[in-house]
C-alpha atoms as a PDB file:
ATOM      1  CA  MET A   1     -17.741 -11.809 -16.531  1.00  0.00           C
ATOM      2  CA  THR A   2     -15.190 -14.103 -14.894  1.00  0.00           C
ATOM      3  CA  GLU A   3     -11.956 -15.196 -16.507  1.00  0.00           C
ATOM      4  CA  THR A   4     -10.410 -18.390 -15.180  1.00  0.00           C
ATOM      5  CA  ILE A   5      -6.642 -18.594 -15.439  1.00  0.00           C
ATOM      6  CA  LEU A   6      -5.073 -22.036 -15.041  1.00  0.00           C
ATOM      7  CA  LEU A   7      -1.721 -21.680 -13.295  1.00  0.00           C
ATOM      8  CA  PRO A   8       1.205 -23.927 -14.215  1.00  0.00           C
ATOM      9  CA  PRO A   9       2.734 -26.223 -11.583  1.00  0.00           C
ATOM     10  CA  ARG A  10       5.885 -24.118 -11.273  1.00  0.00           C
ATOM     11  CA  LEU A  11       5.492 -20.346 -11.067  1.00  0.00           C
ATOM     12  CA  ASP A  12       9.009 -19.401 -12.144  1.00  0.00           C
ATOM     13  CA  MET A  13      10.200 -16.308 -14.031  1.00  0.00           C
ATOM     14  CA  THR A  14       9.241 -17.724 -17.419  1.00  0.00           C
ATOM     15  CA  ALA A  15       5.722 -18.565 -16.281  1.00  0.00           C
ATOM     16  CA  LEU A  16       5.309 -15.240 -14.481  1.00  0.00           C
ATOM     17  CA  ARG A  17       6.137 -13.177 -17.571  1.00  0.00           C
ATOM     18  CA  SER A  18       3.265 -14.707 -19.490  1.00  0.00           C
ATOM     19  CA  LEU A  19       0.996 -14.719 -16.457  1.00  0.00           C
ATOM     20  CA  ALA A  20       1.611 -11.015 -15.814  1.00  0.00           C
ATOM     21  CA  GLN A  21       0.359 -10.246 -19.323  1.00  0.00           C
ATOM     22  CA  ASP A  22      -2.743 -12.402 -18.838  1.00  0.00           C
ATOM     23  CA  LEU A  23      -3.544 -10.766 -15.502  1.00  0.00           C
ATOM     24  CA  SER A  24      -2.986  -7.278 -16.902  1.00  0.00           C
ATOM     25  CA  SER A  25      -5.328  -7.943 -19.819  1.00  0.00           C
ATOM     26  CA  ALA A  26      -8.023  -9.298 -17.518  1.00  0.00           C
ATOM     27  CA  THR A  27      -7.815  -6.382 -15.069  1.00  0.00           C
ATOM     28  CA  ARG A  28      -7.798  -3.799 -17.866  1.00  0.00           C
ATOM     29  CA  ALA A  29     -10.970  -5.374 -19.218  1.00  0.00           C
ATOM     30  CA  GLY A  30     -12.560  -5.136 -15.751  1.00  0.00           C
ATOM     31  CA  ARG A  31     -13.080  -8.886 -15.484  1.00  0.00           C
ATOM     32  CA  ASP A  32     -13.287 -10.899 -12.300  1.00  0.00           C
ATOM     33  CA  ILE A  33     -10.317 -13.270 -12.199  1.00  0.00           C
ATOM     34  CA  ASP A  34     -10.499 -16.819 -10.887  1.00  0.00           C
ATOM     35  CA  LEU A  35      -7.063 -18.392 -10.405  1.00  0.00           C
ATOM     36  CA  ASP A  36      -6.998 -22.170 -10.726  1.00  0.00           C
ATOM     37  CA  ALA A  37      -3.926 -23.149  -8.704  1.00  0.00           C
ATOM     38  CA  ARG A  38      -4.813 -26.803  -8.119  1.00  0.00           C
ATOM     39  CA  ASP A  39      -1.623 -28.010  -9.861  1.00  0.00           C
ATOM     40  CA  VAL A  40       0.793 -25.479  -8.337  1.00  0.00           C
ATOM     41  CA  THR A  41       3.776 -27.063  -6.605  1.00  0.00           C
ATOM     42  CA  HIS A  42       6.075 -24.016  -6.454  1.00  0.00           C
ATOM     43  CA  MET A  43       4.870 -20.521  -5.563  1.00  0.00           C
ATOM     44  CA  GLY A  44       7.480 -18.026  -4.432  1.00  0.00           C
ATOM     45  CA  ALA A  45       7.412 -14.448  -3.204  1.00  0.00           C
ATOM     46  CA  LEU A  46       7.522 -12.980  -6.708  1.00  0.00           C
ATOM     47  CA  SER A  47       4.351 -14.804  -7.710  1.00  0.00           C
ATOM     48  CA  ALA A  48       2.657 -13.680  -4.485  1.00  0.00           C
ATOM     49  CA  GLN A  49       3.615 -10.069  -5.284  1.00  0.00           C
ATOM     50  CA  LEU A  50       2.194 -10.426  -8.783  1.00  0.00           C
ATOM     51  CA  PHE A  51      -1.112 -11.790  -7.441  1.00  0.00           C
ATOM     52  CA  ILE A  52      -1.377  -9.050  -4.798  1.00  0.00           C
ATOM     53  CA  ALA A  53      -0.776  -6.343  -7.423  1.00  0.00           C
ATOM     54  CA  ALA A  54      -3.328  -7.937  -9.760  1.00  0.00           C
ATOM     55  CA  ALA A  55      -5.874  -8.174  -6.931  1.00  0.00           C
ATOM     56  CA  ARG A  56      -5.400  -4.479  -6.168  1.00  0.00           C
ATOM     57  CA  ASP A  57      -5.726  -3.569  -9.854  1.00  0.00           C
ATOM     58  CA  ALA A  58      -8.857  -5.697 -10.194  1.00  0.00           C
ATOM     59  CA  ARG A  59     -10.439  -4.096  -7.122  1.00  0.00           C
ATOM     60  CA  ALA A  60      -9.627  -0.596  -8.388  1.00  0.00           C
ATOM     61  CA  LYS A  61     -11.579  -1.419 -11.554  1.00  0.00           C
ATOM     62  CA  GLY A  62     -14.512  -2.970  -9.690  1.00  0.00           C
ATOM     63  CA  GLY A  63     -13.441  -6.580 -10.183  1.00  0.00           C
ATOM     64  CA  THR A  64     -12.075  -9.348  -8.025  1.00  0.00           C
ATOM     65  CA  LEU A  65      -9.234 -11.837  -8.003  1.00  0.00           C
ATOM     66  CA  THR A  66      -9.857 -15.110  -6.198  1.00  0.00           C
ATOM     67  CA  PHE A  67      -8.376 -18.583  -5.979  1.00  0.00           C
ATOM     68  CA  GLY A  68     -11.093 -20.980  -7.115  1.00  0.00           C
ATOM     69  CA  SER A  69      -8.847 -23.969  -6.470  1.00  0.00           C
ATOM     70  CA  ILE A  70      -5.463 -24.113  -4.802  1.00  0.00           C
ATOM     71  CA  SER A  71      -3.145 -26.992  -3.924  1.00  0.00           C
ATOM     72  CA  GLU A  72      -2.200 -27.678  -0.322  1.00  0.00           C
ATOM     73  CA  ARG A  73       1.440 -27.203  -1.262  1.00  0.00           C
ATOM     74  CA  ALA A  74       0.725 -23.693  -2.586  1.00  0.00           C
ATOM     75  CA  VAL A  75      -1.261 -22.874   0.570  1.00  0.00           C
ATOM     76  CA  ASP A  76       1.690 -24.035   2.678  1.00  0.00           C
ATOM     77  CA  GLN A  77       4.138 -21.926   0.661  1.00  0.00           C
ATOM     78  CA  LEU A  78       1.929 -18.854   1.050  1.00  0.00           C
ATOM     79  CA  ALA A  79       1.693 -19.514   4.786  1.00  0.00           C
ATOM     80  CA  MET A  80       5.498 -19.463   5.021  1.00  0.00           C
ATOM     81  CA  MET A  81       5.286 -15.902   3.670  1.00  0.00           C
ATOM     82  CA  GLY A  82       2.563 -14.952   6.148  1.00  0.00           C
ATOM     83  CA  LEU A  83      -0.115 -14.987   3.434  1.00  0.00           C
ATOM     84  CA  THR A  84      -3.328 -16.816   2.677  1.00  0.00           C
ATOM     85  CA  PRO A  85      -5.329 -16.998  -0.549  1.00  0.00           C
ATOM     86  CA  THR A  86      -7.896 -14.685   1.062  1.00  0.00           C
ATOM     87  CA  ARG A  87      -5.281 -12.096   2.038  1.00  0.00           C
ATOM     88  CA  ILE A  88      -3.979 -12.090  -1.524  1.00  0.00           C
ATOM     89  CA  SER A  89      -7.511 -11.679  -2.896  1.00  0.00           C
ATOM     90  CA  GLU A  90      -7.930  -8.685  -0.591  1.00  0.00           C
ATOM     91  CA  GLY A  91      -4.713  -7.158  -1.926  1.00  0.00           C
ATOM     92  CA  ALA A  92      -2.879  -8.097   1.317  1.00  0.00           C
ATOM     93  CA  GLN A  93      -4.474  -5.148   3.088  1.00  0.00           C
END
């Protein structure tokens, strides 16, 4: 079963607190996670760390974490950190 999580435009501390709970619940349940990041305009290092940790947790439980949709701006911000959506989905291995 796949759970789609719609990400807010700005992934700040307030958004990440709630998102961390959603990701934790999904990984505990062993669900595949599809992140919908089409509206994201601000993605910093803390959000990237959260997604990498969630991807690793999901993989450890036999699931996956992928970006079904992602804005060009979010892709550019990840690239500035040396990351891609695929690298995050792989747990930045």
